[in-house]
Amino acid sequence: MQLVGFSVGATVAWLCSEHPAVQKVLCFYGSRIRSYTNVIPKVPVQMVFGKNEKAFSPENVRIGLNEYTLVTFEIVEGAHGFANLYNQMYREQTTKRVLQQWFDLK
């Protein structure tokens, strides 16, 4: 099973990265992941954060998870909600690129 989570859903997906049924996890702007850096993922996890987060520093989250070899981290131009079609912060090209890369879509 492959999981994609947004915001609090990204934090839930992160927590599931230890579960044996999960094969891959993609987390968009999961700000609360910073509270669960003790989770050790057993599958590849891609974290994607907007550079302009108001409530926390994505760079600090990256540093906190840097020791995990299965975790990749990308900070993109944009703010929280950049992958939400109905959010004024939506960035279509960034969202499509991340999804295409992660799921090997053509």
PDB file of N, CA and C in Angstrom:
ATOM      1  N   MET A   1       0.840  -1.166   0.000  1.00  0.00           N
ATOM      2  CA  MET A   1       0.000   0.000   0.000  1.00  0.00           C
ATOM      3  C   MET A   1       0.898   1.247   0.000  1.00  0.00           C
ATOM      4  N   GLN A   2       0.511   2.225  -0.786  1.00  0.00           N
ATOM      5  CA  GLN A   2       1.213   3.501  -0.838  1.00  0.00           C
ATOM      6  C   GLN A   2       0.313   4.559  -0.218  1.00  0.00           C
ATOM      7  N   LEU A   3       0.883   5.382   0.639  1.00  0.00           N
ATOM      8  CA  LEU A   3       0.106   6.412   1.319  1.00  0.00           C
ATOM      9  C   LEU A   3       0.533   7.799   0.869  1.00  0.00           C
ATOM     10  N   VAL A   4      -0.436   8.671   0.712  1.00  0.00           N
ATOM     11  CA  VAL A   4      -0.200  10.086   0.470  1.00  0.00           C
ATOM     12  C   VAL A   4      -1.012  10.829   1.514  1.00  0.00           C
ATOM     13  N   GLY A   5      -0.355  11.743   2.226  1.00  0.00           N
ATOM     14  CA  GLY A   5      -1.057  12.505   3.241  1.00  0.00           C
ATOM     15  C   GLY A   5      -0.769  13.985   3.114  1.00  0.00           C
ATOM     16  N   PHE A   6      -1.769  14.782   3.462  1.00  0.00           N
ATOM     17  CA  PHE A   6      -1.666  16.233   3.414  1.00  0.00           C
ATOM     18  C   PHE A   6      -1.940  16.790   4.797  1.00  0.00           C
ATOM     19  N   SER A   7      -1.061  17.654   5.274  1.00  0.00           N
ATOM     20  CA  SER A   7      -1.203  18.301   6.571  1.00  0.00           C
ATOM     21  C   SER A   7      -1.299  17.251   7.683  1.00  0.00           C
ATOM     22  N   VAL A   8      -2.401  17.201   8.435  1.00  0.00           N
ATOM     23  CA  VAL A   8      -2.500  16.211   9.515  1.00  0.00           C
ATOM     24  C   VAL A   8      -2.475  14.795   8.930  1.00  0.00           C
ATOM     25  N   GLY A   9      -2.996  14.616   7.732  1.00  0.00           N
ATOM     26  CA  GLY A   9      -2.930  13.312   7.066  1.00  0.00           C
ATOM     27  C   GLY A   9      -1.502  12.897   6.774  1.00  0.00           C
ATOM     28  N   ALA A  10      -0.636  13.862   6.524  1.00  0.00           N
ATOM     29  CA  ALA A  10       0.786  13.565   6.311  1.00  0.00           C
ATOM     30  C   ALA A  10       1.416  13.058   7.599  1.00  0.00           C
ATOM     31  N   THR A  11       1.001  13.620   8.709  1.00  0.00           N
ATOM     32  CA  THR A  11       1.517  13.153   9.995  1.00  0.00           C
ATOM     33  C   THR A  11       1.045  11.725  10.258  1.00  0.00           C
ATOM     34  N   VAL A  12      -0.202  11.433   9.951  1.00  0.00           N
ATOM     35  CA  VAL A  12      -0.716  10.078  10.108  1.00  0.00           C
ATOM     36  C   VAL A  12       0.035   9.118   9.177  1.00  0.00           C
ATOM     37  N   ALA A  13       0.258   9.526   7.943  1.00  0.00           N
ATOM     38  CA  ALA A  13       1.004   8.686   6.996  1.00  0.00           C
ATOM     39  C   ALA A  13       2.417   8.425   7.522  1.00  0.00           C
ATOM     40  N   TRP A  14       3.044   9.448   8.084  1.00  0.00           N
ATOM     41  CA  TRP A  14       4.374   9.295   8.689  1.00  0.00           C
ATOM     42  C   TRP A  14       4.344   8.254   9.796  1.00  0.00           C
ATOM     43  N   LEU A  15       3.350   8.328  10.659  1.00  0.00           N
ATOM     44  CA  LEU A  15       3.232   7.362  11.745  1.00  0.00           C
ATOM     45  C   LEU A  15       3.033   5.939  11.211  1.00  0.00           C
ATOM     46  N   CYS A  16       2.399   5.816  10.057  1.00  0.00           N
ATOM     47  CA  CYS A  16       2.159   4.497   9.443  1.00  0.00           C
ATOM     48  C   CYS A  16       3.392   3.953   8.724  1.00  0.00           C
ATOM     49  N   SER A  17       4.428   4.742   8.585  1.00  0.00           N
ATOM     50  CA  SER A  17       5.616   4.310   7.835  1.00  0.00           C
ATOM     51  C   SER A  17       6.360   3.166   8.508  1.00  0.00           C
ATOM     52  N   GLU A  18       5.981   2.836   9.727  1.00  0.00           N
ATOM     53  CA  GLU A  18       6.567   1.693  10.432  1.00  0.00           C
ATOM     54  C   GLU A  18       5.756   0.410  10.217  1.00  0.00           C
ATOM     55  N   HIS A  19       4.579   0.535   9.639  1.00  0.00           N
ATOM     56  CA  HIS A  19       3.672  -0.613   9.499  1.00  0.00           C
ATOM     57  C   HIS A  19       4.096  -1.501   8.327  1.00  0.00           C
ATOM     58  N   PRO A  20       4.093  -2.823   8.517  1.00  0.00           N
ATOM     59  CA  PRO A  20       4.563  -3.733   7.466  1.00  0.00           C
ATOM     60  C   PRO A  20       3.729  -3.734   6.180  1.00  0.00           C
ATOM     61  N   ALA A  21       2.478  -3.301   6.226  1.00  0.00           N
ATOM     62  CA  ALA A  21       1.640  -3.281   5.017  1.00  0.00           C
ATOM     63  C   ALA A  21       1.934  -2.087   4.106  1.00  0.00           C
ATOM     64  N   VAL A  22       2.647  -1.112   4.628  1.00  0.00           N
ATOM     65  CA  VAL A  22       2.925   0.117   3.879  1.00  0.00           C
ATOM     66  C   VAL A  22       4.216  -0.053   3.089  1.00  0.00           C
ATOM     67  N   GLN A  23       4.187   0.375   1.816  1.00  0.00           N
ATOM     68  CA  GLN A  23       5.349   0.253   0.934  1.00  0.00           C
ATOM     69  C   GLN A  23       6.042   1.587   0.658  1.00  0.00           C
ATOM     70  N   LYS A  24       5.298   2.678   0.701  1.00  0.00           N
ATOM     71  CA  LYS A  24       5.802   3.998   0.330  1.00  0.00           C
ATOM     72  C   LYS A  24       4.918   5.052   0.979  1.00  0.00           C
ATOM     73  N   VAL A  25       5.522   6.186   1.333  1.00  0.00           N
ATOM     74  CA  VAL A  25       4.749   7.263   1.946  1.00  0.00           C
ATOM     75  C   VAL A  25       5.185   8.598   1.341  1.00  0.00           C
ATOM     76  N   LEU A  26       4.202   9.412   0.991  1.00  0.00           N
ATOM     77  CA  LEU A  26       4.441  10.762   0.504  1.00  0.00           C
ATOM     78  C   LEU A  26       3.697  11.717   1.422  1.00  0.00           C
ATOM     79  N   CYS A  27       4.438  12.635   2.043  1.00  0.00           N
ATOM     80  CA  CYS A  27       3.867  13.561   3.030  1.00  0.00           C
ATOM     81  C   CYS A  27       3.975  14.997   2.526  1.00  0.00           C
ATOM     82  N   PHE A  28       2.842  15.657   2.359  1.00  0.00           N
ATOM     83  CA  PHE A  28       2.805  17.068   2.001  1.00  0.00           C
ATOM     84  C   PHE A  28       2.538  17.887   3.254  1.00  0.00           C
ATOM     85  N   TYR A  29       3.442  18.794   3.557  1.00  0.00           N
ATOM     86  CA  TYR A  29       3.345  19.757   4.661  1.00  0.00           C
ATOM     87  C   TYR A  29       2.737  19.206   5.950  1.00  0.00           C
ATOM     88  N   GLY A  30       3.345  18.139   6.430  1.00  0.00           N
ATOM     89  CA  GLY A  30       2.920  17.551   7.705  1.00  0.00           C
ATOM     90  C   GLY A  30       3.622  18.218   8.864  1.00  0.00           C
ATOM     91  N   SER A  31       3.128  19.336   9.280  1.00  0.00           N
ATOM     92  CA  SER A  31       3.826  20.140  10.290  1.00  0.00           C
ATOM     93  C   SER A  31       3.999  19.422  11.623  1.00  0.00           C
ATOM     94  N   ARG A  32       3.076  18.542  11.994  1.00  0.00           N
ATOM     95  CA  ARG A  32       3.184  17.868  13.290  1.00  0.00           C
ATOM     96  C   ARG A  32       4.172  16.701  13.275  1.00  0.00           C
ATOM     97  N   ILE A  33       4.710  16.375  12.114  1.00  0.00           N
ATOM     98  CA  ILE A  33       5.732  15.326  12.050  1.00  0.00           C
ATOM     99  C   ILE A  33       6.883  15.687  12.976  1.00  0.00           C
ATOM    100  N   ARG A  34       7.120  16.960  13.161  1.00  0.00           N
ATOM    101  CA  ARG A  34       8.205  17.402  14.037  1.00  0.00           C
ATOM    102  C   ARG A  34       8.025  16.916  15.471  1.00  0.00           C
ATOM    103  N   SER A  35       6.816  16.531  15.840  1.00  0.00           N
ATOM    104  CA  SER A  35       6.564  15.991  17.179  1.00  0.00           C
ATOM    105  C   SER A  35       6.799  14.484  17.254  1.00  0.00           C
ATOM    106  N   TYR A  36       7.066  13.858  16.102  1.00  0.00           N
ATOM    107  CA  TYR A  36       7.202  12.401  16.052  1.00  0.00           C
ATOM    108  C   TYR A  36       8.501  11.982  15.354  1.00  0.00           C
ATOM    109  N   THR A  37       9.574  12.672  15.639  1.00  0.00           N
ATOM    110  CA  THR A  37      10.847  12.341  14.997  1.00  0.00           C
ATOM    111  C   THR A  37      11.451  11.047  15.534  1.00  0.00           C
ATOM    112  N   ASN A  38      10.819  10.468  16.548  1.00  0.00           N
ATOM    113  CA  ASN A  38      11.286   9.177  17.063  1.00  0.00           C
ATOM    114  C   ASN A  38      10.780   8.006  16.214  1.00  0.00           C
ATOM    115  N   VAL A  39       9.860   8.262  15.305  1.00  0.00           N
ATOM    116  CA  VAL A  39       9.374   7.224  14.393  1.00  0.00           C
ATOM    117  C   VAL A  39      10.507   6.873  13.442  1.00  0.00           C
ATOM    118  N   ILE A  40      10.754   5.591  13.275  1.00  0.00           N
ATOM    119  CA  ILE A  40      11.805   5.133  12.354  1.00  0.00           C
ATOM    120  C   ILE A  40      11.127   4.434  11.184  1.00  0.00           C
ATOM    121  N   PRO A  41      11.052   5.106  10.033  1.00  0.00           N
ATOM    122  CA  PRO A  41      10.336   4.525   8.899  1.00  0.00           C
ATOM    123  C   PRO A  41      11.031   3.264   8.384  1.00  0.00           C
ATOM    124  N   LYS A  42      10.210   2.316   7.959  1.00  0.00           N
ATOM    125  CA  LYS A  42      10.720   1.068   7.393  1.00  0.00           C
ATOM    126  C   LYS A  42      10.560   1.047   5.881  1.00  0.00           C
ATOM    127  N   VAL A  43      10.056   2.134   5.325  1.00  0.00           N
ATOM    128  CA  VAL A  43       9.806   2.251   3.882  1.00  0.00           C
ATOM    129  C   VAL A  43      10.261   3.634   3.423  1.00  0.00           C
ATOM    130  N   PRO A  44      10.430   3.829   2.108  1.00  0.00           N
ATOM    131  CA  PRO A  44      10.776   5.165   1.616  1.00  0.00           C
ATOM    132  C   PRO A  44       9.675   6.182   1.935  1.00  0.00           C
ATOM    133  N   VAL A  45      10.117   7.326   2.424  1.00  0.00           N
ATOM    134  CA  VAL A  45       9.207   8.424   2.748  1.00  0.00           C
ATOM    135  C   VAL A  45       9.732   9.682   2.078  1.00  0.00           C
ATOM    136  N   GLN A  46       8.862  10.361   1.343  1.00  0.00           N
ATOM    137  CA  GLN A  46       9.198  11.652   0.738  1.00  0.00           C
ATOM    138  C   GLN A  46       8.434  12.725   1.487  1.00  0.00           C
ATOM    139  N   MET A  47       9.142  13.688   2.037  1.00  0.00           N
ATOM    140  CA  MET A  47       8.540  14.835   2.713  1.00  0.00           C
ATOM    141  C   MET A  47       8.606  16.029   1.760  1.00  0.00           C
ATOM    142  N   VAL A  48       7.495  16.728   1.632  1.00  0.00           N
ATOM    143  CA  VAL A  48       7.464  17.922   0.788  1.00  0.00           C
ATOM    144  C   VAL A  48       6.829  19.050   1.593  1.00  0.00           C
ATOM    145  N   PHE A  49       7.577  20.123   1.740  1.00  0.00           N
ATOM    146  CA  PHE A  49       7.101  21.279   2.485  1.00  0.00           C
ATOM    147  C   PHE A  49       7.250  22.526   1.632  1.00  0.00           C
ATOM    148  N   GLY A  50       6.349  23.474   1.853  1.00  0.00           N
ATOM    149  CA  GLY A  50       6.494  24.787   1.242  1.00  0.00           C
ATOM    150  C   GLY A  50       7.533  25.580   2.011  1.00  0.00           C
ATOM    151  N   LYS A  51       8.285  26.346   1.287  1.00  0.00           N
ATOM    152  CA  LYS A  51       9.345  27.163   1.899  1.00  0.00           C
ATOM    153  C   LYS A  51       8.774  28.181   2.892  1.00  0.00           C
ATOM    154  N   ASN A  52       7.557  28.639   2.647  1.00  0.00           N
ATOM    155  CA  ASN A  52       6.975  29.724   3.436  1.00  0.00           C
ATOM    156  C   ASN A  52       5.947  29.229   4.448  1.00  0.00           C
ATOM    157  N   GLU A  53       6.341  28.316   5.315  1.00  0.00           N
ATOM    158  CA  GLU A  53       5.468  27.857   6.391  1.00  0.00           C
ATOM    159  C   GLU A  53       5.466  28.906   7.501  1.00  0.00           C
ATOM    160  N   LYS A  54       4.291  29.242   7.994  1.00  0.00           N
ATOM    161  CA  LYS A  54       4.184  30.274   9.032  1.00  0.00           C
ATOM    162  C   LYS A  54       4.428  29.730  10.438  1.00  0.00           C
ATOM    163  N   ALA A  55       3.999  28.510  10.713  1.00  0.00           N
ATOM    164  CA  ALA A  55       3.981  28.005  12.084  1.00  0.00           C
ATOM    165  C   ALA A  55       5.262  27.302  12.523  1.00  0.00           C
ATOM    166  N   PHE A  56       6.136  26.951  11.573  1.00  0.00           N
ATOM    167  CA  PHE A  56       7.338  26.199  11.933  1.00  0.00           C
ATOM    168  C   PHE A  56       8.358  26.326  10.805  1.00  0.00           C
ATOM    169  N   SER A  57       9.546  25.819  11.061  1.00  0.00           N
ATOM    170  CA  SER A  57      10.612  25.855  10.065  1.00  0.00           C
ATOM    171  C   SER A  57      10.762  24.481   9.403  1.00  0.00           C
ATOM    172  N   PRO A  58      10.442  24.364   8.105  1.00  0.00           N
ATOM    173  CA  PRO A  58      10.662  23.095   7.417  1.00  0.00           C
ATOM    174  C   PRO A  58      12.117  22.637   7.488  1.00  0.00           C
ATOM    175  N   GLU A  59      13.030  23.571   7.500  1.00  0.00           N
ATOM    176  CA  GLU A  59      14.451  23.214   7.579  1.00  0.00           C
ATOM    177  C   GLU A  59      14.763  22.514   8.898  1.00  0.00           C
ATOM    178  N   ASN A  60      14.141  22.943   9.990  1.00  0.00           N
ATOM    179  CA  ASN A  60      14.348  22.267  11.270  1.00  0.00           C
ATOM    180  C   ASN A  60      13.803  20.840  11.245  1.00  0.00           C
ATOM    181  N   VAL A  61      12.697  20.625  10.555  1.00  0.00           N
ATOM    182  CA  VAL A  61      12.156  19.268  10.416  1.00  0.00           C
ATOM    183  C   VAL A  61      13.138  18.414   9.624  1.00  0.00           C
ATOM    184  N   ARG A  62      13.672  19.001   8.554  1.00  0.00           N
ATOM    185  CA  ARG A  62      14.658  18.278   7.739  1.00  0.00           C
ATOM    186  C   ARG A  62      15.857  17.859   8.603  1.00  0.00           C
ATOM    187  N   ILE A  63      16.362  18.759   9.376  1.00  0.00           N
ATOM    188  CA  ILE A  63      17.509  18.463  10.238  1.00  0.00           C
ATOM    189  C   ILE A  63      17.151  17.359  11.235  1.00  0.00           C
ATOM    190  N   GLY A  64      15.935  17.412  11.792  1.00  0.00           N
ATOM    191  CA  GLY A  64      15.514  16.410  12.756  1.00  0.00           C
ATOM    192  C   GLY A  64      15.359  15.016  12.180  1.00  0.00           C
ATOM    193  N   LEU A  65      15.143  14.930  10.869  1.00  0.00           N
ATOM    194  CA  LEU A  65      14.940  13.631  10.213  1.00  0.00           C
ATOM    195  C   LEU A  65      16.113  13.220   9.345  1.00  0.00           C
ATOM    196  N   ASN A  66      17.152  14.010   9.343  1.00  0.00           N
ATOM    197  CA  ASN A  66      18.302  13.805   8.463  1.00  0.00           C
ATOM    198  C   ASN A  66      18.987  12.453   8.649  1.00  0.00           C
ATOM    199  N   GLU A  67      18.894  11.883   9.831  1.00  0.00           N
ATOM    200  CA  GLU A  67      19.584  10.618  10.112  1.00  0.00           C
ATOM    201  C   GLU A  67      18.912   9.409   9.463  1.00  0.00           C
ATOM    202  N   TYR A  68      17.675   9.555   9.002  1.00  0.00           N
ATOM    203  CA  TYR A  68      16.946   8.427   8.431  1.00  0.00           C
ATOM    204  C   TYR A  68      17.217   8.321   6.934  1.00  0.00           C
ATOM    205  N   THR A  69      17.850   7.230   6.545  1.00  0.00           N
ATOM    206  CA  THR A  69      18.258   7.073   5.143  1.00  0.00           C
ATOM    207  C   THR A  69      17.079   6.862   4.197  1.00  0.00           C
ATOM    208  N   LEU A  70      15.947   6.406   4.684  1.00  0.00           N
ATOM    209  CA  LEU A  70      14.787   6.177   3.821  1.00  0.00           C
ATOM    210  C   LEU A  70      13.945   7.435   3.613  1.00  0.00           C
ATOM    211  N   VAL A  71      14.307   8.519   4.286  1.00  0.00           N
ATOM    212  CA  VAL A  71      13.535   9.757   4.186  1.00  0.00           C
ATOM    213  C   VAL A  71      14.231  10.728   3.244  1.00  0.00           C
ATOM    214  N   THR A  72      13.491  11.175   2.236  1.00  0.00           N
ATOM    215  CA  THR A  72      13.970  12.262   1.384  1.00  0.00           C
ATOM    216  C   THR A  72      13.098  13.479   1.669  1.00  0.00           C
ATOM    217  N   PHE A  73      13.649  14.623   1.449  1.00  0.00           N
ATOM    218  CA  PHE A  73      13.022  15.854   1.890  1.00  0.00           C
ATOM    219  C   PHE A  73      13.158  16.896   0.801  1.00  0.00           C
ATOM    220  N   GLU A  74      12.057  17.555   0.481  1.00  0.00           N
ATOM    221  CA  GLU A  74      12.101  18.625  -0.509  1.00  0.00           C
ATOM    222  C   GLU A  74      11.356  19.833   0.038  1.00  0.00           C
ATOM    223  N   ILE A  75      11.993  20.969  -0.039  1.00  0.00           N
ATOM    224  CA  ILE A  75      11.354  22.231   0.323  1.00  0.00           C
ATOM    225  C   ILE A  75      11.166  22.996  -0.982  1.00  0.00           C
ATOM    226  N   VAL A  76       9.904  23.266  -1.311  1.00  0.00           N
ATOM    227  CA  VAL A  76       9.566  23.895  -2.590  1.00  0.00           C
ATOM    228  C   VAL A  76       9.102  25.324  -2.371  1.00  0.00           C
ATOM    229  N   GLU A  77       9.100  26.093  -3.444  1.00  0.00           N
ATOM    230  CA  GLU A  77       8.521  27.436  -3.373  1.00  0.00           C
ATOM    231  C   GLU A  77       7.040  27.294  -3.082  1.00  0.00           C
ATOM    232  N   GLY A  78       6.564  28.061  -2.149  1.00  0.00           N
ATOM    233  CA  GLY A  78       5.147  28.005  -1.818  1.00  0.00           C
ATOM    234  C   GLY A  78       4.927  27.999  -0.325  1.00  0.00           C
ATOM    235  N   ALA A  79       3.658  27.870   0.043  1.00  0.00           N
ATOM    236  CA  ALA A  79       3.261  27.892   1.451  1.00  0.00           C
ATOM    237  C   ALA A  79       2.373  26.690   1.736  1.00  0.00           C
ATOM    238  N   HIS A  80       2.000  26.545   3.002  1.00  0.00           N
ATOM    239  CA  HIS A  80       1.103  25.463   3.409  1.00  0.00           C
ATOM    240  C   HIS A  80      -0.140  25.498   2.519  1.00  0.00           C
ATOM    241  N   GLY A  81      -0.496  24.367   1.948  1.00  0.00           N
ATOM    242  CA  GLY A  81      -1.649  24.307   1.055  1.00  0.00           C
ATOM    243  C   GLY A  81      -1.288  24.346  -0.411  1.00  0.00           C
ATOM    244  N   PHE A  82      -0.003  24.371  -0.743  1.00  0.00           N
ATOM    245  CA  PHE A  82       0.395  24.513  -2.149  1.00  0.00           C
ATOM    246  C   PHE A  82      -0.076  23.351  -3.030  1.00  0.00           C
ATOM    247  N   ALA A  83      -0.422  22.203  -2.443  1.00  0.00           N
ATOM    248  CA  ALA A  83      -0.881  21.056  -3.230  1.00  0.00           C
ATOM    249  C   ALA A  83      -2.401  20.901  -3.208  1.00  0.00           C
ATOM    250  N   ASN A  84      -3.094  21.870  -2.677  1.00  0.00           N
ATOM    251  CA  ASN A  84      -4.550  21.827  -2.566  1.00  0.00           C
ATOM    252  C   ASN A  84      -5.161  22.701  -3.654  1.00  0.00           C
ATOM    253  N   LEU A  85      -5.822  22.055  -4.596  1.00  0.00           N
ATOM    254  CA  LEU A  85      -6.442  22.741  -5.733  1.00  0.00           C
ATOM    255  C   LEU A  85      -7.360  23.878  -5.300  1.00  0.00           C
ATOM    256  N   TYR A  86      -7.973  23.764  -4.136  1.00  0.00           N
ATOM    257  CA  TYR A  86      -8.940  24.758  -3.680  1.00  0.00           C
ATOM    258  C   TYR A  86      -8.348  25.784  -2.718  1.00  0.00           C
ATOM    259  N   ASN A  87      -7.058  25.808  -2.600  1.00  0.00           N
ATOM    260  CA  ASN A  87      -6.373  26.749  -1.726  1.00  0.00           C
ATOM    261  C   ASN A  87      -5.754  27.840  -2.579  1.00  0.00           C
ATOM    262  N   GLN A  88      -5.786  29.056  -2.103  1.00  0.00           N
ATOM    263  CA  GLN A  88      -5.200  30.170  -2.857  1.00  0.00           C
ATOM    264  C   GLN A  88      -3.685  30.016  -3.024  1.00  0.00           C
ATOM    265  N   MET A  89      -3.060  29.161  -2.227  1.00  0.00           N
ATOM    266  CA  MET A  89      -1.622  28.914  -2.312  1.00  0.00           C
ATOM    267  C   MET A  89      -1.264  27.821  -3.326  1.00  0.00           C
ATOM    268  N   TYR A  90      -2.250  27.257  -3.990  1.00  0.00           N
ATOM    269  CA  TYR A  90      -2.045  26.125  -4.901  1.00  0.00           C
ATOM    270  C   TYR A  90      -0.981  26.433  -5.952  1.00  0.00           C
ATOM    271  N   ARG A  91      -0.081  25.460  -6.136  1.00  0.00           N
ATOM    272  CA  ARG A  91       0.977  25.544  -7.147  1.00  0.00           C
ATOM    273  C   ARG A  91       0.893  24.266  -7.987  1.00  0.00           C
ATOM    274  N   GLU A  92       0.174  24.370  -9.081  1.00  0.00           N
ATOM    275  CA  GLU A  92      -0.134  23.209  -9.919  1.00  0.00           C
ATOM    276  C   GLU A  92       1.105  22.486 -10.427  1.00  0.00           C
ATOM    277  N   GLN A  93       2.040  23.203 -10.992  1.00  0.00           N
ATOM    278  CA  GLN A  93       3.217  22.558 -11.579  1.00  0.00           C
ATOM    279  C   GLN A  93       4.041  21.824 -10.525  1.00  0.00           C
ATOM    280  N   THR A  94       4.218  22.432  -9.380  1.00  0.00           N
ATOM    281  CA  THR A  94       4.975  21.791  -8.301  1.00  0.00           C
ATOM    282  C   THR A  94       4.280  20.511  -7.853  1.00  0.00           C
ATOM    283  N   THR A  95       2.980  20.590  -7.654  1.00  0.00           N
ATOM    284  CA  THR A  95       2.218  19.426  -7.204  1.00  0.00           C
ATOM    285  C   THR A  95       2.290  18.298  -8.214  1.00  0.00           C
ATOM    286  N   LYS A  96       2.072  18.600  -9.478  1.00  0.00           N
ATOM    287  CA  LYS A  96       2.121  17.571 -10.524  1.00  0.00           C
ATOM    288  C   LYS A  96       3.504  16.936 -10.611  1.00  0.00           C
ATOM    289  N   ARG A  97       4.530  17.752 -10.527  1.00  0.00           N
ATOM    290  CA  ARG A  97       5.898  17.227 -10.610  1.00  0.00           C
ATOM    291  C   ARG A  97       6.185  16.251  -9.475  1.00  0.00           C
ATOM    292  N   VAL A  98       5.834  16.631  -8.252  1.00  0.00           N
ATOM    293  CA  VAL A  98       6.090  15.768  -7.098  1.00  0.00           C
ATOM    294  C   VAL A  98       5.327  14.449  -7.243  1.00  0.00           C
ATOM    295  N   LEU A  99       4.058  14.515  -7.599  1.00  0.00           N
ATOM    296  CA  LEU A  99       3.255  13.297  -7.744  1.00  0.00           C
ATOM    297  C   LEU A  99       3.771  12.414  -8.876  1.00  0.00           C
ATOM    298  N   GLN A 100       4.137  13.014  -9.992  1.00  0.00           N
ATOM    299  CA  GLN A 100       4.658  12.235 -11.115  1.00  0.00           C
ATOM    300  C   GLN A 100       5.958  11.536 -10.745  1.00  0.00           C
ATOM    301  N   GLN A 101       6.853  12.239 -10.081  1.00  0.00           N
ATOM    302  CA  GLN A 101       8.122  11.631  -9.672  1.00  0.00           C
ATOM    303  C   GLN A 101       7.912  10.503  -8.684  1.00  0.00           C
ATOM    304  N   TRP A 102       7.072  10.730  -7.703  1.00  0.00           N
ATOM    305  CA  TRP A 102       6.903   9.748  -6.640  1.00  0.00           C
ATOM    306  C   TRP A 102       6.223   8.475  -7.127  1.00  0.00           C
ATOM    307  N   PHE A 103       5.232   8.629  -7.990  1.00  0.00           N
ATOM    308  CA  PHE A 103       4.484   7.470  -8.451  1.00  0.00           C
ATOM    309  C   PHE A 103       4.895   7.023  -9.854  1.00  0.00           C
ATOM    310  N   ASP A 104       5.998   7.557 -10.353  1.00  0.00           N
ATOM    311  CA  ASP A 104       6.527   7.176 -11.666  1.00  0.00           C
ATOM    312  C   ASP A 104       5.462   7.270 -12.758  1.00  0.00           C
ATOM    313  N   LEU A 105       4.698   8.344 -12.738  1.00  0.00           N
ATOM    314  CA  LEU A 105       3.663   8.553 -13.745  1.00  0.00           C
ATOM    315  C   LEU A 105       4.266   9.201 -14.978  1.00  0.00           C
ATOM    316  N   LYS A 106       3.746   8.890 -16.101  1.00  0.00           N
ATOM    317  CA  LYS A 106       4.253   9.479 -17.358  1.00  0.00           C
ATOM    318  C   LYS A 106       3.255  10.495 -17.861  1.00  0.00           C
TER     319      LYS A 106
END
